[in-house]
Amino acid sequence: EFNYDGPVTESYNEVRLRPLTDDKQSCLSFRLTTKPASQSRS
């Protein structure tokens, strides 16, 4: 969570939070949500 001192009108973000799928684990599902709502690309 980010709480800003004042209003922000442009926020560009990049996250790496999805667990890897490899020979030791499998990511069965992943969901990213933001508030305010946004569309993500990956």
Full PDB file with SEQRES, HELIX, SHEET, SSBOND, CRYST1, ORIGX, SCALE, CONECT and MASTER records, all heavy atoms in Angstrom:
SEQRES   1 A   42  GLU PHE ASN TYR ASP GLY PRO VAL THR GLU SER TYR ASN          
SEQRES   2 A   42  GLU VAL ARG LEU ARG PRO LEU THR ASP ASP LYS GLN SER          
SEQRES   3 A   42  CYS LEU SER PHE ARG LEU THR THR LYS PRO ALA SER GLN          
SEQRES   4 A   42  SER ARG SER                                                  
CRYST1    1.000    1.000    1.000  90.00  90.00  90.00 P 1           1          
ORIGX1      1.000000  0.000000  0.000000        0.00000                         
ORIGX2      0.000000  1.000000  0.000000        0.00000                         
ORIGX3      0.000000  0.000000  1.000000        0.00000                         
SCALE1      1.000000  0.000000  0.000000        0.00000                         
SCALE2      0.000000  1.000000  0.000000        0.00000                         
SCALE3      0.000000  0.000000  1.000000        0.00000                         
ATOM      1  N   GLU A   1       0.838  -1.196   0.000  1.00  0.00           N  
ATOM      2  CA  GLU A   1       0.000   0.000   0.000  1.00  0.00           C  
ATOM      3  C   GLU A   1       0.875   1.249   0.000  1.00  0.00           C  
ATOM      4  O   GLU A   1       1.870   1.314   0.724  1.00  0.00           O  
ATOM      5  CB  GLU A   1      -0.917   0.027   1.227  1.00  0.00           C  
ATOM      6  CG  GLU A   1      -1.957  -1.072   1.211  1.00  0.00           C  
ATOM      7  CD  GLU A   1      -2.882  -1.029   2.407  1.00  0.00           C  
ATOM      8  OE1 GLU A   1      -2.394  -0.782   3.533  1.00  0.00           O  
ATOM      9  OE2 GLU A   1      -4.084  -1.248   2.211  1.00  0.00           O  
ATOM     10  N   PHE A   2       0.491   2.202  -0.828  1.00  0.00           N  
ATOM     11  CA  PHE A   2       1.147   3.501  -0.874  1.00  0.00           C  
ATOM     12  C   PHE A   2       0.137   4.559  -0.451  1.00  0.00           C  
ATOM     13  O   PHE A   2      -0.994   4.572  -0.946  1.00  0.00           O  
ATOM     14  CB  PHE A   2       1.634   3.825  -2.296  1.00  0.00           C  
ATOM     15  CG  PHE A   2       2.670   2.873  -2.813  1.00  0.00           C  
ATOM     16  CD1 PHE A   2       2.309   1.803  -3.603  1.00  0.00           C  
ATOM     17  CD2 PHE A   2       4.008   3.061  -2.493  1.00  0.00           C  
ATOM     18  CE1 PHE A   2       3.265   0.924  -4.087  1.00  0.00           C  
ATOM     19  CE2 PHE A   2       4.976   2.183  -2.974  1.00  0.00           C  
ATOM     20  CZ  PHE A   2       4.603   1.113  -3.768  1.00  0.00           C  
ATOM     21  N   ASN A   3       0.533   5.428   0.467  1.00  0.00           N  
ATOM     22  CA  ASN A   3      -0.293   6.555   0.892  1.00  0.00           C  
ATOM     23  C   ASN A   3       0.510   7.817   0.601  1.00  0.00           C  
ATOM     24  O   ASN A   3       1.569   8.034   1.194  1.00  0.00           O  
ATOM     25  CB  ASN A   3      -0.625   6.459   2.386  1.00  0.00           C  
ATOM     26  CG  ASN A   3      -1.460   5.238   2.692  1.00  0.00           C  
ATOM     27  OD1 ASN A   3      -2.567   5.104   2.198  1.00  0.00           O  
ATOM     28  ND2 ASN A   3      -0.921   4.326   3.479  1.00  0.00           N  
ATOM     29  N   TYR A   4       0.013   8.647  -0.308  1.00  0.00           N  
ATOM     30  CA  TYR A   4       0.732   9.825  -0.754  1.00  0.00           C  
ATOM     31  C   TYR A   4       0.337  11.048   0.061  1.00  0.00           C  
ATOM     32  O   TYR A   4      -0.768  11.141   0.588  1.00  0.00           O  
ATOM     33  CB  TYR A   4       0.454  10.076  -2.241  1.00  0.00           C  
ATOM     34  CG  TYR A   4       0.766   8.869  -3.105  1.00  0.00           C  
ATOM     35  CD1 TYR A   4      -0.247   8.127  -3.702  1.00  0.00           C  
ATOM     36  CD2 TYR A   4       2.077   8.465  -3.319  1.00  0.00           C  
ATOM     37  CE1 TYR A   4       0.032   7.021  -4.495  1.00  0.00           C  
ATOM     38  CE2 TYR A   4       2.374   7.363  -4.108  1.00  0.00           C  
ATOM     39  CZ  TYR A   4       1.343   6.649  -4.686  1.00  0.00           C  
ATOM     40  OH  TYR A   4       1.626   5.565  -5.451  1.00  0.00           O  
ATOM     41  N   ASP A   5       1.239  12.018   0.146  1.00  0.00           N  
ATOM     42  CA  ASP A   5       0.979  13.264   0.878  1.00  0.00           C  
ATOM     43  C   ASP A   5      -0.105  14.102   0.215  1.00  0.00           C  
ATOM     44  O   ASP A   5      -0.778  14.887   0.870  1.00  0.00           O  
ATOM     45  CB  ASP A   5       2.254  14.101   0.998  1.00  0.00           C  
ATOM     46  CG  ASP A   5       3.281  13.456   1.901  1.00  0.00           C  
ATOM     47  OD1 ASP A   5       2.891  12.630   2.741  1.00  0.00           O  
ATOM     48  OD2 ASP A   5       4.472  13.769   1.759  1.00  0.00           O  
ATOM     49  N   GLY A   6      -0.236  13.958  -1.083  1.00  0.00           N  
ATOM     50  CA  GLY A   6      -1.232  14.727  -1.835  1.00  0.00           C  
ATOM     51  C   GLY A   6      -1.726  13.906  -2.994  1.00  0.00           C  
ATOM     52  O   GLY A   6      -1.325  12.760  -3.184  1.00  0.00           O  
ATOM     53  N   PRO A   7      -2.614  14.480  -3.792  1.00  0.00           N  
ATOM     54  CA  PRO A   7      -3.166  13.735  -4.926  1.00  0.00           C  
ATOM     55  C   PRO A   7      -2.097  13.430  -5.982  1.00  0.00           C  
ATOM     56  O   PRO A   7      -1.226  14.248  -6.261  1.00  0.00           O  
ATOM     57  CB  PRO A   7      -4.245  14.659  -5.489  1.00  0.00           C  
ATOM     58  CG  PRO A   7      -4.179  15.926  -4.730  1.00  0.00           C  
ATOM     59  CD  PRO A   7      -3.190  15.793  -3.636  1.00  0.00           C  
ATOM     60  N   VAL A   8      -2.189  12.238  -6.540  1.00  0.00           N  
ATOM     61  CA  VAL A   8      -1.293  11.775  -7.598  1.00  0.00           C  
ATOM     62  C   VAL A   8      -2.153  11.534  -8.827  1.00  0.00           C  
ATOM     63  O   VAL A   8      -3.228  10.940  -8.729  1.00  0.00           O  
ATOM     64  CB  VAL A   8      -0.575  10.479  -7.170  1.00  0.00           C  
ATOM     65  CG1 VAL A   8       0.254   9.912  -8.305  1.00  0.00           C  
ATOM     66  CG2 VAL A   8       0.272  10.715  -5.940  1.00  0.00           C  
ATOM     67  N   THR A   9      -1.672  11.973  -9.983  1.00  0.00           N  
ATOM     68  CA  THR A   9      -2.485  11.795 -11.192  1.00  0.00           C  
ATOM     69  C   THR A   9      -1.870  10.828 -12.188  1.00  0.00           C  
ATOM     70  O   THR A   9      -2.542  10.402 -13.108  1.00  0.00           O  
ATOM     71  CB  THR A   9      -2.717  13.145 -11.899  1.00  0.00           C  
ATOM     72  OG1 THR A   9      -1.448  13.739 -12.168  1.00  0.00           O  
ATOM     73  CG2 THR A   9      -3.553  14.075 -11.039  1.00  0.00           C  
ATOM     74  N   GLU A  10      -0.615  10.476 -12.024  1.00  0.00           N  
ATOM     75  CA  GLU A  10       0.016   9.515 -12.922  1.00  0.00           C  
ATOM     76  C   GLU A  10       0.873   8.559 -12.107  1.00  0.00           C  
ATOM     77  O   GLU A  10       1.792   8.990 -11.417  1.00  0.00           O  
ATOM     78  CB  GLU A  10       0.887  10.225 -13.963  1.00  0.00           C  
ATOM     79  CG  GLU A  10       0.101  11.088 -14.919  1.00  0.00           C  
ATOM     80  CD  GLU A  10       0.988  11.780 -15.937  1.00  0.00           C  
ATOM     81  OE1 GLU A  10       2.198  11.458 -15.997  1.00  0.00           O  
ATOM     82  OE2 GLU A  10       0.473  12.622 -16.674  1.00  0.00           O  
ATOM     83  N   SER A  11       0.569   7.275 -12.182  1.00  0.00           N  
ATOM     84  CA  SER A  11       1.326   6.268 -11.454  1.00  0.00           C  
ATOM     85  C   SER A  11       1.607   5.111 -12.398  1.00  0.00           C  
ATOM     86  O   SER A  11       0.687   4.416 -12.829  1.00  0.00           O  
ATOM     87  CB  SER A  11       0.515   5.807 -10.238  1.00  0.00           C  
ATOM     88  OG  SER A  11       1.191   4.795  -9.542  1.00  0.00           O  
ATOM     89  N   TYR A  12       2.883   4.926 -12.741  1.00  0.00           N  
ATOM     90  CA  TYR A  12       3.303   3.855 -13.643  1.00  0.00           C  
ATOM     91  C   TYR A  12       4.051   2.820 -12.810  1.00  0.00           C  
ATOM     92  O   TYR A  12       4.991   3.167 -12.108  1.00  0.00           O  
ATOM     93  CB  TYR A  12       4.210   4.412 -14.747  1.00  0.00           C  
ATOM     94  CG  TYR A  12       3.512   5.444 -15.592  1.00  0.00           C  
ATOM     95  CD1 TYR A  12       3.617   6.799 -15.303  1.00  0.00           C  
ATOM     96  CD2 TYR A  12       2.717   5.061 -16.666  1.00  0.00           C  
ATOM     97  CE1 TYR A  12       2.967   7.753 -16.071  1.00  0.00           C  
ATOM     98  CE2 TYR A  12       2.063   6.004 -17.442  1.00  0.00           C  
ATOM     99  CZ  TYR A  12       2.190   7.343 -17.140  1.00  0.00           C  
ATOM    100  OH  TYR A  12       1.539   8.279 -17.896  1.00  0.00           O  
ATOM    101  N   ASN A  13       3.621   1.578 -12.879  1.00  0.00           N  
ATOM    102  CA  ASN A  13       4.128   0.559 -11.956  1.00  0.00           C  
ATOM    103  C   ASN A  13       4.537  -0.714 -12.680  1.00  0.00           C  
ATOM    104  O   ASN A  13       3.988  -1.066 -13.725  1.00  0.00           O  
ATOM    105  CB  ASN A  13       3.041   0.218 -10.934  1.00  0.00           C  
ATOM    106  CG  ASN A  13       2.586   1.440 -10.180  1.00  0.00           C  
ATOM    107  OD1 ASN A  13       3.195   1.818  -9.203  1.00  0.00           O  
ATOM    108  ND2 ASN A  13       1.528   2.090 -10.651  1.00  0.00           N  
ATOM    109  N   GLU A  14       5.476  -1.418 -12.046  1.00  0.00           N  
ATOM    110  CA  GLU A  14       5.956  -2.703 -12.524  1.00  0.00           C  
ATOM    111  C   GLU A  14       6.193  -3.573 -11.299  1.00  0.00           C  
ATOM    112  O   GLU A  14       6.882  -3.155 -10.370  1.00  0.00           O  
ATOM    113  CB  GLU A  14       7.256  -2.467 -13.292  1.00  0.00           C  
ATOM    114  CG  GLU A  14       7.869  -3.692 -13.880  1.00  0.00           C  
ATOM    115  CD  GLU A  14       9.101  -3.350 -14.703  1.00  0.00           C  
ATOM    116  OE1 GLU A  14       8.943  -2.817 -15.816  1.00  0.00           O  
ATOM    117  OE2 GLU A  14      10.205  -3.626 -14.223  1.00  0.00           O  
ATOM    118  N   VAL A  15       5.608  -4.769 -11.275  1.00  0.00           N  
ATOM    119  CA  VAL A  15       5.790  -5.668 -10.137  1.00  0.00           C  
ATOM    120  C   VAL A  15       6.183  -7.055 -10.632  1.00  0.00           C  
ATOM    121  O   VAL A  15       5.809  -7.476 -11.719  1.00  0.00           O  
ATOM    122  CB  VAL A  15       4.518  -5.765  -9.245  1.00  0.00           C  
ATOM    123  CG1 VAL A  15       4.198  -4.409  -8.628  1.00  0.00           C  
ATOM    124  CG2 VAL A  15       3.329  -6.301 -10.007  1.00  0.00           C  
ATOM    125  N   ARG A  16       6.948  -7.734  -9.793  1.00  0.00           N  
ATOM    126  CA  ARG A  16       7.343  -9.129 -10.034  1.00  0.00           C  
ATOM    127  C   ARG A  16       6.913  -9.915  -8.799  1.00  0.00           C  
ATOM    128  O   ARG A  16       7.719 -10.155  -7.908  1.00  0.00           O  
ATOM    129  CB  ARG A  16       8.858  -9.217 -10.246  1.00  0.00           C  
ATOM    130  CG  ARG A  16       9.325  -8.649 -11.556  1.00  0.00           C  
ATOM    131  CD  ARG A  16      10.847  -8.577 -11.616  1.00  0.00           C  
ATOM    132  NE  ARG A  16      11.336  -8.247 -12.927  1.00  0.00           N  
ATOM    133  CZ  ARG A  16      11.391  -7.021 -13.422  1.00  0.00           C  
ATOM    134  NH1 ARG A  16      10.987  -5.991 -12.693  1.00  0.00           N  
ATOM    135  NH2 ARG A  16      11.853  -6.800 -14.637  1.00  0.00           N  
ATOM    136  N   LEU A  17       5.668 -10.295  -8.767  1.00  0.00           N  
ATOM    137  CA  LEU A  17       5.108 -10.937  -7.578  1.00  0.00           C  
ATOM    138  C   LEU A  17       4.504 -12.309  -7.858  1.00  0.00           C  
ATOM    139  O   LEU A  17       4.007 -12.955  -6.937  1.00  0.00           O  
ATOM    140  CB  LEU A  17       4.034 -10.020  -6.953  1.00  0.00           C  
ATOM    141  CG  LEU A  17       4.552  -8.687  -6.413  1.00  0.00           C  
ATOM    142  CD1 LEU A  17       3.388  -7.767  -6.039  1.00  0.00           C  
ATOM    143  CD2 LEU A  17       5.447  -8.918  -5.215  1.00  0.00           C  
ATOM    144  N   ARG A  18       4.539 -12.759  -9.098  1.00  0.00           N  
ATOM    145  CA  ARG A  18       3.987 -14.077  -9.424  1.00  0.00           C  
ATOM    146  C   ARG A  18       5.041 -15.146  -9.157  1.00  0.00           C  
ATOM    147  O   ARG A  18       6.161 -15.063  -9.657  1.00  0.00           O  
ATOM    148  CB  ARG A  18       3.561 -14.125 -10.888  1.00  0.00           C  
ATOM    149  CG  ARG A  18       3.006 -15.463 -11.301  1.00  0.00           C  
ATOM    150  CD  ARG A  18       2.543 -15.428 -12.736  1.00  0.00           C  
ATOM    151  NE  ARG A  18       2.131 -16.738 -13.175  1.00  0.00           N  
ATOM    152  CZ  ARG A  18       1.416 -16.948 -14.265  1.00  0.00           C  
ATOM    153  NH1 ARG A  18       1.046 -15.936 -15.022  1.00  0.00           N  
ATOM    154  NH2 ARG A  18       1.086 -18.164 -14.611  1.00  0.00           N  
ATOM    155  N   PRO A  19       4.712 -16.164  -8.357  1.00  0.00           N  
ATOM    156  CA  PRO A  19       5.678 -17.247  -8.103  1.00  0.00           C  
ATOM    157  C   PRO A  19       6.039 -17.978  -9.400  1.00  0.00           C  
ATOM    158  O   PRO A  19       5.213 -18.133 -10.298  1.00  0.00           O  
ATOM    159  CB  PRO A  19       4.920 -18.182  -7.149  1.00  0.00           C  
ATOM    160  CG  PRO A  19       3.877 -17.312  -6.511  1.00  0.00           C  
ATOM    161  CD  PRO A  19       3.483 -16.329  -7.580  1.00  0.00           C  
ATOM    162  N   LEU A  20       7.278 -18.413  -9.473  1.00  0.00           N  
ATOM    163  CA  LEU A  20       7.755 -19.150 -10.643  1.00  0.00           C  
ATOM    164  C   LEU A  20       7.154 -20.548 -10.702  1.00  0.00           C  
ATOM    165  O   LEU A  20       6.830 -21.140  -9.683  1.00  0.00           O  
ATOM    166  CB  LEU A  20       9.271 -19.301 -10.587  1.00  0.00           C  
ATOM    167  CG  LEU A  20      10.116 -18.069 -10.840  1.00  0.00           C  
ATOM    168  CD1 LEU A  20      11.594 -18.389 -10.630  1.00  0.00           C  
ATOM    169  CD2 LEU A  20       9.892 -17.548 -12.241  1.00  0.00           C  
ATOM    170  N   THR A  21       7.058 -21.059 -11.902  1.00  0.00           N  
ATOM    171  CA  THR A  21       6.780 -22.472 -12.106  1.00  0.00           C  
ATOM    172  C   THR A  21       8.079 -23.079 -12.613  1.00  0.00           C  
ATOM    173  O   THR A  21       8.621 -22.636 -13.626  1.00  0.00           O  
ATOM    174  CB  THR A  21       5.645 -22.675 -13.120  1.00  0.00           C  
ATOM    175  OG1 THR A  21       4.430 -22.195 -12.547  1.00  0.00           O  
ATOM    176  CG2 THR A  21       5.496 -24.144 -13.492  1.00  0.00           C  
ATOM    177  N   ASP A  22       8.597 -24.047 -11.862  1.00  0.00           N  
ATOM    178  CA  ASP A  22       9.842 -24.700 -12.263  1.00  0.00           C  
ATOM    179  C   ASP A  22       9.789 -26.153 -11.830  1.00  0.00           C  
ATOM    180  O   ASP A  22       8.720 -26.696 -11.582  1.00  0.00           O  
ATOM    181  CB  ASP A  22      11.056 -23.956 -11.706  1.00  0.00           C  
ATOM    182  CG  ASP A  22      11.085 -23.869 -10.181  1.00  0.00           C  
ATOM    183  OD1 ASP A  22      10.342 -24.625  -9.514  1.00  0.00           O  
ATOM    184  OD2 ASP A  22      11.855 -23.050  -9.646  1.00  0.00           O  
ATOM    185  N   ASP A  23      10.958 -26.810 -11.725  1.00  0.00           N  
ATOM    186  CA  ASP A  23      10.971 -28.229 -11.380  1.00  0.00           C  
ATOM    187  C   ASP A  23      10.685 -28.486  -9.901  1.00  0.00           C  
ATOM    188  O   ASP A  23      10.514 -29.632  -9.495  1.00  0.00           O  
ATOM    189  CB  ASP A  23      12.300 -28.871 -11.781  1.00  0.00           C  
ATOM    190  CG  ASP A  23      13.495 -28.211 -11.132  1.00  0.00           C  
ATOM    191  OD1 ASP A  23      13.372 -27.061 -10.666  1.00  0.00           O  
ATOM    192  OD2 ASP A  23      14.567 -28.838 -11.098  1.00  0.00           O  
ATOM    193  N   LYS A  24      10.606 -27.437  -9.076  1.00  0.00           N  
ATOM    194  CA  LYS A  24      10.340 -27.612  -7.648  1.00  0.00           C  
ATOM    195  C   LYS A  24       8.970 -27.124  -7.208  1.00  0.00           C  
ATOM    196  O   LYS A  24       8.515 -27.462  -6.121  1.00  0.00           O  
ATOM    197  CB  LYS A  24      11.412 -26.897  -6.825  1.00  0.00           C  
ATOM    198  CG  LYS A  24      12.791 -27.487  -7.010  1.00  0.00           C  
ATOM    199  CD  LYS A  24      13.806 -26.810  -6.142  1.00  0.00           C  
ATOM    200  CE  LYS A  24      15.168 -27.433  -6.364  1.00  0.00           C  
ATOM    201  NZ  LYS A  24      16.191 -26.809  -5.550  1.00  0.00           N  
ATOM    202  N   GLN A  25       8.317 -26.308  -8.027  1.00  0.00           N  
ATOM    203  CA  GLN A  25       7.004 -25.784  -7.650  1.00  0.00           C  
ATOM    204  C   GLN A  25       6.219 -25.426  -8.896  1.00  0.00           C  
ATOM    205  O   GLN A  25       6.786 -25.215  -9.966  1.00  0.00           O  
ATOM    206  CB  GLN A  25       7.117 -24.570  -6.746  1.00  0.00           C  
ATOM    207  CG  GLN A  25       7.683 -23.339  -7.433  1.00  0.00           C  
ATOM    208  CD  GLN A  25       7.822 -22.161  -6.487  1.00  0.00           C  
ATOM    209  OE1 GLN A  25       7.960 -22.338  -5.284  1.00  0.00           O  
ATOM    210  NE2 GLN A  25       7.784 -20.963  -7.014  1.00  0.00           N  
ATOM    211  N   SER A  26       4.904 -25.354  -8.732  1.00  0.00           N  
ATOM    212  CA  SER A  26       4.028 -24.993  -9.833  1.00  0.00           C  
ATOM    213  C   SER A  26       3.045 -23.935  -9.348  1.00  0.00           C  
ATOM    214  O   SER A  26       2.359 -24.136  -8.337  1.00  0.00           O  
ATOM    215  CB  SER A  26       3.286 -26.237 -10.319  1.00  0.00           C  
ATOM    216  OG  SER A  26       2.442 -25.910 -11.388  1.00  0.00           O  
ATOM    217  N   CYS A  27       2.990 -22.825 -10.054  1.00  0.00           N  
ATOM    218  CA  CYS A  27       2.030 -21.772  -9.713  1.00  0.00           C  
ATOM    219  C   CYS A  27       0.700 -22.157 -10.356  1.00  0.00           C  
ATOM    220  O   CYS A  27       0.541 -22.093 -11.567  1.00  0.00           O  
ATOM    221  CB  CYS A  27       2.515 -20.416 -10.213  1.00  0.00           C  
ATOM    222  SG  CYS A  27       1.415 -19.060  -9.777  1.00  0.00           S  
ATOM    223  N   LEU A  28      -0.261 -22.565  -9.527  1.00  0.00           N  
ATOM    224  CA  LEU A  28      -1.542 -23.041 -10.034  1.00  0.00           C  
ATOM    225  C   LEU A  28      -2.476 -21.898 -10.404  1.00  0.00           C  
ATOM    226  O   LEU A  28      -3.285 -22.026 -11.313  1.00  0.00           O  
ATOM    227  CB  LEU A  28      -2.208 -23.939  -8.990  1.00  0.00           C  
ATOM    228  CG  LEU A  28      -1.413 -25.175  -8.574  1.00  0.00           C  
ATOM    229  CD1 LEU A  28      -2.158 -25.949  -7.498  1.00  0.00           C  
ATOM    230  CD2 LEU A  28      -1.102 -26.051  -9.775  1.00  0.00           C  
ATOM    231  N   SER A  29      -2.390 -20.783  -9.664  1.00  0.00           N  
ATOM    232  CA  SER A  29      -3.220 -19.624  -9.997  1.00  0.00           C  
ATOM    233  C   SER A  29      -2.546 -18.359  -9.498  1.00  0.00           C  
ATOM    234  O   SER A  29      -1.753 -18.386  -8.553  1.00  0.00           O  
ATOM    235  CB  SER A  29      -4.617 -19.755  -9.385  1.00  0.00           C  
ATOM    236  OG  SER A  29      -4.557 -19.689  -7.970  1.00  0.00           O  
ATOM    237  N   PHE A  30      -2.879 -17.254 -10.158  1.00  0.00           N  
ATOM    238  CA  PHE A  30      -2.313 -15.951  -9.791  1.00  0.00           C  
ATOM    239  C   PHE A  30      -3.317 -14.879 -10.172  1.00  0.00           C  
ATOM    240  O   PHE A  30      -3.894 -14.914 -11.264  1.00  0.00           O  
ATOM    241  CB  PHE A  30      -0.994 -15.701 -10.522  1.00  0.00           C  
ATOM    242  CG  PHE A  30      -0.417 -14.335 -10.252  1.00  0.00           C  
ATOM    243  CD1 PHE A  30       0.276 -14.089  -9.076  1.00  0.00           C  
ATOM    244  CD2 PHE A  30      -0.597 -13.308 -11.155  1.00  0.00           C  
ATOM    245  CE1 PHE A  30       0.793 -12.823  -8.819  1.00  0.00           C  
ATOM    246  CE2 PHE A  30      -0.082 -12.047 -10.899  1.00  0.00           C  
ATOM    247  CZ  PHE A  30       0.611 -11.803  -9.734  1.00  0.00           C  
ATOM    248  N   ARG A  31      -3.535 -13.923  -9.263  1.00  0.00           N  
ATOM    249  CA  ARG A  31      -4.428 -12.797  -9.542  1.00  0.00           C  
ATOM    250  C   ARG A  31      -3.803 -11.528  -8.978  1.00  0.00           C  
ATOM    251  O   ARG A  31      -3.359 -11.503  -7.825  1.00  0.00           O  
ATOM    252  CB  ARG A  31      -5.806 -13.030  -8.915  1.00  0.00           C  
ATOM    253  CG  ARG A  31      -6.801 -11.930  -9.267  1.00  0.00           C  
ATOM    254  CD  ARG A  31      -8.127 -12.130  -8.587  1.00  0.00           C  
ATOM    255  NE  ARG A  31      -7.879 -11.938  -7.154  1.00  0.00           N  
ATOM    256  CZ  ARG A  31      -8.628 -12.426  -6.189  1.00  0.00           C  
ATOM    257  NH1 ARG A  31      -9.656 -13.163  -6.463  1.00  0.00           N  
ATOM    258  NH2 ARG A  31      -8.329 -12.209  -4.933  1.00  0.00           N  
ATOM    259  N   LEU A  32      -3.779 -10.486  -9.787  1.00  0.00           N  
ATOM    260  CA  LEU A  32      -3.282  -9.173  -9.383  1.00  0.00           C  
ATOM    261  C   LEU A  32      -4.449  -8.198  -9.433  1.00  0.00           C  
ATOM    262  O   LEU A  32      -5.136  -8.103 -10.447  1.00  0.00           O  
ATOM    263  CB  LEU A  32      -2.178  -8.707 -10.339  1.00  0.00           C  
ATOM    264  CG  LEU A  32      -1.737  -7.247 -10.242  1.00  0.00           C  
ATOM    265  CD1 LEU A  32      -0.970  -6.993  -8.949  1.00  0.00           C  
ATOM    266  CD2 LEU A  32      -0.890  -6.865 -11.440  1.00  0.00           C  
ATOM    267  N   THR A  33      -4.680  -7.492  -8.321  1.00  0.00           N  
ATOM    268  CA  THR A  33      -5.712  -6.456  -8.293  1.00  0.00           C  
ATOM    269  C   THR A  33      -5.115  -5.182  -7.726  1.00  0.00           C  
ATOM    270  O   THR A  33      -4.197  -5.225  -6.896  1.00  0.00           O  
ATOM    271  CB  THR A  33      -6.941  -6.872  -7.446  1.00  0.00           C  
ATOM    272  OG1 THR A  33      -6.498  -7.199  -6.129  1.00  0.00           O  
ATOM    273  CG2 THR A  33      -7.660  -8.058  -8.047  1.00  0.00           C  
ATOM    274  N   THR A  34      -5.647  -4.063  -8.192  1.00  0.00           N  
ATOM    275  CA  THR A  34      -5.202  -2.771  -7.690  1.00  0.00           C  
ATOM    276  C   THR A  34      -6.421  -1.939  -7.317  1.00  0.00           C  
ATOM    277  O   THR A  34      -7.514  -2.125  -7.840  1.00  0.00           O  
ATOM    278  CB  THR A  34      -4.382  -1.995  -8.749  1.00  0.00           C  
ATOM    279  OG1 THR A  34      -5.209  -1.700  -9.872  1.00  0.00           O  
ATOM    280  CG2 THR A  34      -3.160  -2.775  -9.177  1.00  0.00           C  
ATOM    281  N   LYS A  35      -6.192  -1.028  -6.380  1.00  0.00           N  
ATOM    282  CA  LYS A  35      -7.229  -0.068  -6.010  1.00  0.00           C  
ATOM    283  C   LYS A  35      -6.554   1.282  -5.920  1.00  0.00           C  
ATOM    284  O   LYS A  35      -5.660   1.440  -5.085  1.00  0.00           O  
ATOM    285  CB  LYS A  35      -7.863  -0.434  -4.668  1.00  0.00           C  
ATOM    286  CG  LYS A  35      -9.010   0.465  -4.282  1.00  0.00           C  
ATOM    287  CD  LYS A  35      -9.649   0.009  -2.999  1.00  0.00           C  
ATOM    288  CE  LYS A  35     -10.778   0.949  -2.635  1.00  0.00           C  
ATOM    289  NZ  LYS A  35     -11.374   0.571  -1.365  1.00  0.00           N  
ATOM    290  N   PRO A  36      -6.874   2.227  -6.782  1.00  0.00           N  
ATOM    291  CA  PRO A  36      -7.889   2.213  -7.824  1.00  0.00           C  
ATOM    292  C   PRO A  36      -7.612   1.112  -8.858  1.00  0.00           C  
ATOM    293  O   PRO A  36      -6.474   0.723  -9.093  1.00  0.00           O  
ATOM    294  CB  PRO A  36      -7.782   3.599  -8.474  1.00  0.00           C  
ATOM    295  CG  PRO A  36      -6.905   4.418  -7.608  1.00  0.00           C  
ATOM    296  CD  PRO A  36      -6.154   3.489  -6.734  1.00  0.00           C  
ATOM    297  N   ALA A  37      -8.677   0.661  -9.472  1.00  0.00           N  
ATOM    298  CA  ALA A  37      -8.595  -0.431 -10.432  1.00  0.00           C  
ATOM    299  C   ALA A  37      -7.798  -0.018 -11.659  1.00  0.00           C  
ATOM    300  O   ALA A  37      -7.820   1.149 -12.073  1.00  0.00           O  
ATOM    301  CB  ALA A  37      -9.998  -0.870 -10.840  1.00  0.00           C  
ATOM    302  N   SER A  38      -7.066  -0.969 -12.204  1.00  0.00           N  
ATOM    303  CA  SER A  38      -6.295  -0.732 -13.430  1.00  0.00           C  
ATOM    304  C   SER A  38      -6.219  -2.030 -14.212  1.00  0.00           C  
ATOM    305  O   SER A  38      -6.490  -3.103 -13.676  1.00  0.00           O  
ATOM    306  CB  SER A  38      -4.889  -0.237 -13.093  1.00  0.00           C  
ATOM    307  OG  SER A  38      -4.165  -1.247 -12.424  1.00  0.00           O  
ATOM    308  N   GLN A  39      -5.838  -1.909 -15.470  1.00  0.00           N  
ATOM    309  CA  GLN A  39      -5.594  -3.095 -16.291  1.00  0.00           C  
ATOM    310  C   GLN A  39      -4.099  -3.352 -16.331  1.00  0.00           C  
ATOM    311  O   GLN A  39      -3.311  -2.417 -16.480  1.00  0.00           O  
ATOM    312  CB  GLN A  39      -6.127  -2.893 -17.707  1.00  0.00           C  
ATOM    313  CG  GLN A  39      -7.626  -2.878 -17.789  1.00  0.00           C  
ATOM    314  CD  GLN A  39      -8.103  -2.838 -19.232  1.00  0.00           C  
ATOM    315  OE1 GLN A  39      -7.364  -2.478 -20.139  1.00  0.00           O  
ATOM    316  NE2 GLN A  39      -9.352  -3.222 -19.439  1.00  0.00           N  
ATOM    317  N   SER A  40      -3.724  -4.608 -16.197  1.00  0.00           N  
ATOM    318  CA  SER A  40      -2.300  -4.936 -16.229  1.00  0.00           C  
ATOM    319  C   SER A  40      -1.955  -5.699 -17.502  1.00  0.00           C  
ATOM    320  O   SER A  40      -2.812  -6.333 -18.112  1.00  0.00           O  
ATOM    321  CB  SER A  40      -1.916  -5.759 -14.995  1.00  0.00           C  
ATOM    322  OG  SER A  40      -2.567  -7.005 -15.011  1.00  0.00           O  
ATOM    323  N   ARG A  41      -0.700  -5.595 -17.851  1.00  0.00           N  
ATOM    324  CA  ARG A  41      -0.133  -6.374 -18.947  1.00  0.00           C  
ATOM    325  C   ARG A  41       1.024  -7.166 -18.348  1.00  0.00           C  
ATOM    326  O   ARG A  41       1.631  -6.743 -17.367  1.00  0.00           O  
ATOM    327  CB  ARG A  41       0.372  -5.460 -20.051  1.00  0.00           C  
ATOM    328  CG  ARG A  41      -0.746  -4.759 -20.786  1.00  0.00           C  
ATOM    329  CD  ARG A  41      -0.198  -4.056 -22.032  1.00  0.00           C  
ATOM    330  NE  ARG A  41      -1.260  -3.653 -22.908  1.00  0.00           N  
ATOM    331  CZ  ARG A  41      -1.886  -2.478 -22.819  1.00  0.00           C  
ATOM    332  NH1 ARG A  41      -1.549  -1.621 -21.883  1.00  0.00           N  
ATOM    333  NH2 ARG A  41      -2.842  -2.171 -23.669  1.00  0.00           N  
ATOM    334  N   SER A  42       1.347  -8.289 -18.968  1.00  0.00           N  
ATOM    335  CA  SER A  42       2.426  -9.102 -18.407  1.00  0.00           C  
ATOM    336  C   SER A  42       3.330  -9.632 -19.504  1.00  0.00           C  
ATOM    337  O   SER A  42       2.930  -9.766 -20.657  1.00  0.00           O  
ATOM    338  CB  SER A  42       1.850 -10.256 -17.586  1.00  0.00           C  
ATOM    339  OG  SER A  42       1.113 -11.129 -18.416  1.00  0.00           O  
TER     340      SER A  42                                                      
MASTER        0    0    0    0    0    0    0    6  339    1    0    4          
END                                                                             
